[in-house]
Structure formats: structure tokens, C-alpha cells
């Protein structure tokens, strides 16, 4: 029998649009630990080393627009988003 807890489901949608995070650096991966937001396991890490799913961090950012807790990786020089 499994003692696994179901992942928490947000009770309401975020009030602001969700801004997607860029996570390309290898420092965002480590041994699996419980996500600080939903409680299920994840190998992902925030910039401060907190275990957190990317989607959980994006939802948290949308729900807390004035706070800076989860941030994106900076763009590498010469690498923009324009593919043209």
C-alpha cells in the first residue's frame, strides 16, 4: 500500500497571467526532495536551492506579484529569443 500524498490542486486560478521561468543551468537539478509548495518530490531547485517544481514556482509568482522569490536564469550574451 502506498503512503503517497496526492499533489495539492490550486483552489483558484492565479489572478495575474503566469510568467514562465527559464531554467537552463545545471544548478537547478539535485537529488529529489519534497517541493516547498506542493509537497511532492522534485529534483528541481530554485536559485536559492529550494526544492520546487517549475510550475509551482510560476504559479507562486503569479499569486505574489510584488515579491521576488523565484526568478529566471539570465539570458546568455548573444542568445536572444529572436530566431529570425
C-alpha atoms as a PDB file:
ATOM      1  CA  UNK A   1       0.000   0.000   0.000  1.00  0.00           C
ATOM      2  CA  UNK A   2       1.351   3.414  -0.928  1.00  0.00           C
ATOM      3  CA  UNK A   3       1.573   6.266   1.581  1.00  0.00           C
ATOM      4  CA  UNK A   4       1.982   8.814  -1.182  1.00  0.00           C
ATOM      5  CA  UNK A   5       0.042  12.039  -0.716  1.00  0.00           C
ATOM      6  CA  UNK A   6      -1.821  13.449  -3.709  1.00  0.00           C
ATOM      7  CA  UNK A   7      -0.380  16.653  -5.126  1.00  0.00           C
ATOM      8  CA  UNK A   8      -2.255  19.696  -3.944  1.00  0.00           C
ATOM      9  CA  UNK A   9      -4.527  21.268  -6.501  1.00  0.00           C
ATOM     10  CA  UNK A  10      -4.741  25.066  -6.588  1.00  0.00           C
ATOM     11  CA  UNK A  11      -8.069  26.198  -5.167  1.00  0.00           C
ATOM     12  CA  UNK A  12      -8.331  29.166  -7.528  1.00  0.00           C
ATOM     13  CA  UNK A  13      -6.583  30.247 -10.705  1.00  0.00           C
ATOM     14  CA  UNK A  14      -3.898  32.938 -10.411  1.00  0.00           C
ATOM     15  CA  UNK A  15      -5.200  36.492 -10.644  1.00  0.00           C
ATOM     16  CA  UNK A  16      -2.384  37.546 -12.996  1.00  0.00           C
ATOM     17  CA  UNK A  17      -1.006  35.789 -16.085  1.00  0.00           C
ATOM     18  CA  UNK A  18       1.657  33.191 -15.319  1.00  0.00           C
ATOM     19  CA  UNK A  19       5.132  34.269 -16.462  1.00  0.00           C
ATOM     20  CA  UNK A  20       7.167  31.232 -17.482  1.00  0.00           C
ATOM     21  CA  UNK A  21      10.598  30.776 -15.914  1.00  0.00           C
ATOM     22  CA  UNK A  22      13.740  29.942 -17.901  1.00  0.00           C
ATOM     23  CA  UNK A  23      15.763  27.239 -16.159  1.00  0.00           C
ATOM     24  CA  UNK A  24      18.722  26.100 -18.252  1.00  0.00           C
ATOM     25  CA  UNK A  25      21.578  25.916 -15.754  1.00  0.00           C
ATOM     26  CA  UNK A  26      22.528  22.539 -14.247  1.00  0.00           C
ATOM     27  CA  UNK A  27      22.443  24.086 -10.751  1.00  0.00           C
ATOM     28  CA  UNK A  28      18.646  23.748 -10.871  1.00  0.00           C
ATOM     29  CA  UNK A  29      18.907  19.957 -10.517  1.00  0.00           C
ATOM     30  CA  UNK A  30      19.820  17.903  -7.441  1.00  0.00           C
ATOM     31  CA  UNK A  31      18.661  14.820  -5.573  1.00  0.00           C
ATOM     32  CA  UNK A  32      14.888  14.591  -5.231  1.00  0.00           C
ATOM     33  CA  UNK A  33      13.324  16.302  -2.229  1.00  0.00           C
ATOM     34  CA  UNK A  34       9.828  17.483  -1.369  1.00  0.00           C
ATOM     35  CA  UNK A  35       8.662  20.626  -3.168  1.00  0.00           C
ATOM     36  CA  UNK A  36       8.331  23.523  -0.694  1.00  0.00           C
ATOM     37  CA  UNK A  37       4.992  24.454  -2.286  1.00  0.00           C
ATOM     38  CA  UNK A  38       3.090  21.254  -3.115  1.00  0.00           C
ATOM     39  CA  UNK A  39       4.877  18.578  -1.083  1.00  0.00           C
ATOM     40  CA  UNK A  40       5.536  16.029  -3.845  1.00  0.00           C
ATOM     41  CA  UNK A  41       9.115  15.130  -4.760  1.00  0.00           C
ATOM     42  CA  UNK A  42      11.139  17.006  -7.357  1.00  0.00           C
ATOM     43  CA  UNK A  43      14.785  17.132  -8.458  1.00  0.00           C
ATOM     44  CA  UNK A  44      14.362  20.799  -9.443  1.00  0.00           C
ATOM     45  CA  UNK A  45      15.810  23.700  -7.425  1.00  0.00           C
ATOM     46  CA  UNK A  46      15.248  27.444  -7.270  1.00  0.00           C
ATOM     47  CA  UNK A  47      18.160  29.891  -7.444  1.00  0.00           C
ATOM     48  CA  UNK A  48      18.285  29.777  -3.637  1.00  0.00           C
ATOM     49  CA  UNK A  49      18.409  25.965  -3.628  1.00  0.00           C
ATOM     50  CA  UNK A  50      14.796  25.406  -2.560  1.00  0.00           C
ATOM     51  CA  UNK A  51      13.278  22.195  -3.956  1.00  0.00           C
ATOM     52  CA  UNK A  52      10.388  23.440  -6.113  1.00  0.00           C
ATOM     53  CA  UNK A  53       8.671  22.383  -9.335  1.00  0.00           C
ATOM     54  CA  UNK A  54       8.946  24.897 -12.171  1.00  0.00           C
ATOM     55  CA  UNK A  55       5.148  25.057 -12.493  1.00  0.00           C
ATOM     56  CA  UNK A  56       4.711  25.519  -8.728  1.00  0.00           C
ATOM     57  CA  UNK A  57       7.200  28.417  -8.800  1.00  0.00           C
ATOM     58  CA  UNK A  58       5.464  30.005 -11.796  1.00  0.00           C
ATOM     59  CA  UNK A  59       2.066  29.779 -10.074  1.00  0.00           C
ATOM     60  CA  UNK A  60       3.500  31.203  -6.843  1.00  0.00           C
ATOM     61  CA  UNK A  61       4.993  34.150  -8.771  1.00  0.00           C
ATOM     62  CA  UNK A  62       1.607  34.852 -10.381  1.00  0.00           C
ATOM     63  CA  UNK A  63      -0.144  34.781  -7.000  1.00  0.00           C
ATOM     64  CA  UNK A  64       2.500  37.031  -5.339  1.00  0.00           C
ATOM     65  CA  UNK A  65       3.261  39.700  -7.981  1.00  0.00           C
ATOM     66  CA  UNK A  66       5.096  42.113  -5.664  1.00  0.00           C
ATOM     67  CA  UNK A  67       7.502  39.536  -4.207  1.00  0.00           C
ATOM     68  CA  UNK A  68      10.715  38.139  -5.678  1.00  0.00           C
ATOM     69  CA  UNK A  69      11.244  34.513  -4.665  1.00  0.00           C
ATOM     70  CA  UNK A  70      11.593  32.528  -7.889  1.00  0.00           C
ATOM     71  CA  UNK A  71      13.481  34.076 -10.825  1.00  0.00           C
ATOM     72  CA  UNK A  72      14.568  33.067 -14.330  1.00  0.00           C
ATOM     73  CA  UNK A  73      18.098  32.388 -15.487  1.00  0.00           C
ATOM     74  CA  UNK A  74      19.632  35.450 -17.133  1.00  0.00           C
ATOM     75  CA  UNK A  75      19.958  35.323 -20.916  1.00  0.00           C
ATOM     76  CA  UNK A  76      23.433  34.369 -22.050  1.00  0.00           C
ATOM     77  CA  UNK A  77      25.179  37.071 -24.084  1.00  0.00           C
ATOM     78  CA  UNK A  78      24.327  36.839 -27.766  1.00  0.00           C
ATOM     79  CA  UNK A  79      21.435  34.482 -27.159  1.00  0.00           C
ATOM     80  CA  UNK A  80      18.138  36.214 -27.652  1.00  0.00           C
ATOM     81  CA  UNK A  81      14.707  34.822 -28.310  1.00  0.00           C
ATOM     82  CA  UNK A  82      14.581  36.094 -31.900  1.00  0.00           C
ATOM     83  CA  UNK A  83      15.133  33.143 -34.234  1.00  0.00           C
ATOM     84  CA  UNK A  84      14.758  35.117 -37.454  1.00  0.00           C
END
